[in-house]
């Protein structure tokens, strides 16, 4: 970067994308593009650096089975691409026409994501 006559130091990046650049968002989307083509049972929706998995199943047990299947595919992809899954933001929300007890919880991430 150059401001006036001052030039910043050069840094070589081996992974990731530079932050704050004009093309950074596009570079990031290209970097994670193949996540959306993994053979998951979920419909994957991404916005910027947030990703959501959408399931349509009859029971919470079926959702967890599909989620477990998908995590066995997605987590290795995250590791191979040197990305981090933020467990502080990870949750399930269940939308149903039937009465439910609210948020459904699973222990999958804590058990399988180091």
Protein backbone atom coordinates (compact mmCIF):
# COMPACT_ATOMS: atom_id res chain seq x y z
CA UNK A 1 0.00 0.00 0.00
CA UNK A 2 1.20 3.49 -0.75
CA UNK A 3 0.01 6.63 0.98
CA UNK A 4 1.69 9.75 -0.33
CA UNK A 5 5.35 8.81 -0.65
CA UNK A 6 5.20 6.18 2.14
CA UNK A 7 5.17 2.54 1.01
CA UNK A 8 4.14 -0.24 3.41
CA UNK A 9 6.17 -3.41 3.91
CA UNK A 10 5.55 -6.33 1.56
CA UNK A 11 4.05 -9.52 3.02
CA UNK A 12 3.70 -12.80 1.16
CA UNK A 13 0.40 -14.62 1.79
CA UNK A 14 0.38 -18.39 1.43
CA UNK A 15 -3.28 -18.86 2.38
CA UNK A 16 -6.44 -16.81 2.71
CA UNK A 17 -7.24 -13.46 1.17
CA UNK A 18 -6.12 -9.94 2.09
CA UNK A 19 -8.54 -8.00 4.28
CA UNK A 20 -9.78 -4.56 3.36
CA UNK A 21 -8.88 -4.67 -0.31
CA UNK A 22 -11.27 -3.77 -3.09
CA UNK A 23 -11.22 -7.35 -4.41
CA UNK A 24 -11.05 -9.12 -1.01
CA UNK A 25 -14.73 -10.11 -0.93
CA UNK A 26 -14.55 -11.57 -4.43
CA UNK A 27 -11.32 -13.42 -3.63
CA UNK A 28 -12.96 -14.89 -0.50
CA UNK A 29 -16.01 -16.07 -2.43
CA UNK A 30 -13.74 -17.73 -4.97
CA UNK A 31 -11.73 -19.29 -2.11
CA UNK A 32 -14.83 -20.93 -0.56
CA UNK A 33 -16.80 -21.49 -3.79
CA UNK A 34 -16.47 -25.27 -3.86
CA UNK A 35 -18.05 -25.57 -0.36
CA UNK A 36 -21.42 -25.13 -2.08
CA UNK A 37 -20.74 -28.07 -4.40
CA UNK A 38 -19.98 -30.67 -1.72
CA UNK A 39 -22.36 -33.67 -1.74
CA UNK A 40 -24.30 -32.61 1.38
CA UNK A 41 -27.89 -33.36 2.30
CA UNK A 42 -28.39 -29.73 3.32
CA UNK A 43 -29.09 -26.78 1.12
CA UNK A 44 -26.12 -24.50 1.76
CA UNK A 45 -26.61 -20.75 1.79
CA UNK A 46 -23.70 -18.39 2.20
CA UNK A 47 -23.56 -14.67 2.75
CA UNK A 48 -20.13 -13.05 3.04
CA UNK A 49 -18.30 -15.24 5.59
CA UNK A 50 -21.47 -16.75 7.15
CA UNK A 51 -22.75 -20.12 6.03
CA UNK A 52 -26.08 -21.75 6.87
CA UNK A 53 -27.18 -25.33 6.33
CA UNK A 54 -30.91 -25.84 5.73
CA UNK A 55 -32.61 -29.20 6.28
CA UNK A 56 -36.17 -30.32 5.71
CA UNK A 57 -36.81 -33.45 7.74
CA UNK A 58 -39.68 -34.97 9.70
CA UNK A 59 -37.96 -35.40 13.07
CA UNK A 60 -35.05 -33.93 15.03
CA UNK A 61 -33.35 -37.35 14.82
CA UNK A 62 -33.47 -37.21 11.01
CA UNK A 63 -32.02 -33.71 11.07
CA UNK A 64 -29.16 -34.85 13.30
CA UNK A 65 -28.49 -37.85 11.05
CA UNK A 66 -28.32 -35.61 7.96
CA UNK A 67 -26.20 -33.06 9.85
CA UNK A 68 -23.78 -35.77 11.01
CA UNK A 69 -23.45 -36.98 7.41
CA UNK A 70 -22.74 -33.46 6.23
CA UNK A 71 -20.19 -32.70 8.96
CA UNK A 72 -18.21 -35.78 7.92
CA UNK A 73 -17.88 -34.06 4.52
CA UNK A 74 -17.69 -30.38 5.52
CA UNK A 75 -15.21 -30.55 8.43
CA UNK A 76 -12.43 -32.19 6.39
CA UNK A 77 -13.06 -29.56 3.70
CA UNK A 78 -12.64 -26.82 6.34
CA UNK A 79 -9.38 -28.38 7.56
CA UNK A 80 -7.99 -28.83 4.03
CA UNK A 81 -8.75 -25.18 3.25
CA UNK A 82 -7.35 -23.96 6.60
CA UNK A 83 -10.69 -22.48 7.67
CA UNK A 84 -12.10 -22.33 11.20
CA UNK A 85 -15.61 -23.25 12.38
CA UNK A 86 -16.61 -20.83 15.16
CA UNK A 87 -18.36 -22.97 17.77
CA UNK A 88 -19.55 -19.82 19.57
CA UNK A 89 -21.85 -19.10 16.61
CA UNK A 90 -22.89 -22.68 15.87
CA UNK A 91 -26.55 -23.56 16.65
CA UNK A 92 -29.66 -25.31 15.39
CA UNK A 93 -32.98 -23.54 14.96
CA UNK A 94 -36.06 -25.65 14.35
CA UNK A 95 -38.99 -24.18 12.45
CA UNK A 96 -42.11 -26.28 12.66
CA UNK A 97 -45.87 -26.06 12.28
CA UNK A 98 -46.05 -28.50 15.20
CA UNK A 99 -45.35 -27.53 18.80
CA UNK A 100 -41.69 -27.93 19.67
CA UNK A 101 -39.53 -27.11 22.65
CA UNK A 102 -37.56 -24.41 20.82
CA UNK A 103 -33.88 -24.79 19.99
CA UNK A 104 -32.61 -28.27 19.25
CA UNK A 105 -29.11 -28.98 20.48
CA UNK A 106 -26.53 -31.46 19.29
CA UNK A 107 -23.11 -32.33 20.65
CA UNK A 108 -21.65 -33.11 17.22
CA UNK A 109 -19.37 -30.11 16.87
CA UNK A 110 -17.90 -30.40 20.36
CA UNK A 111 -17.23 -34.12 19.82
CA UNK A 112 -15.77 -34.00 16.32
CA UNK A 113 -14.28 -30.57 15.73
CA UNK A 114 -10.97 -30.10 17.57
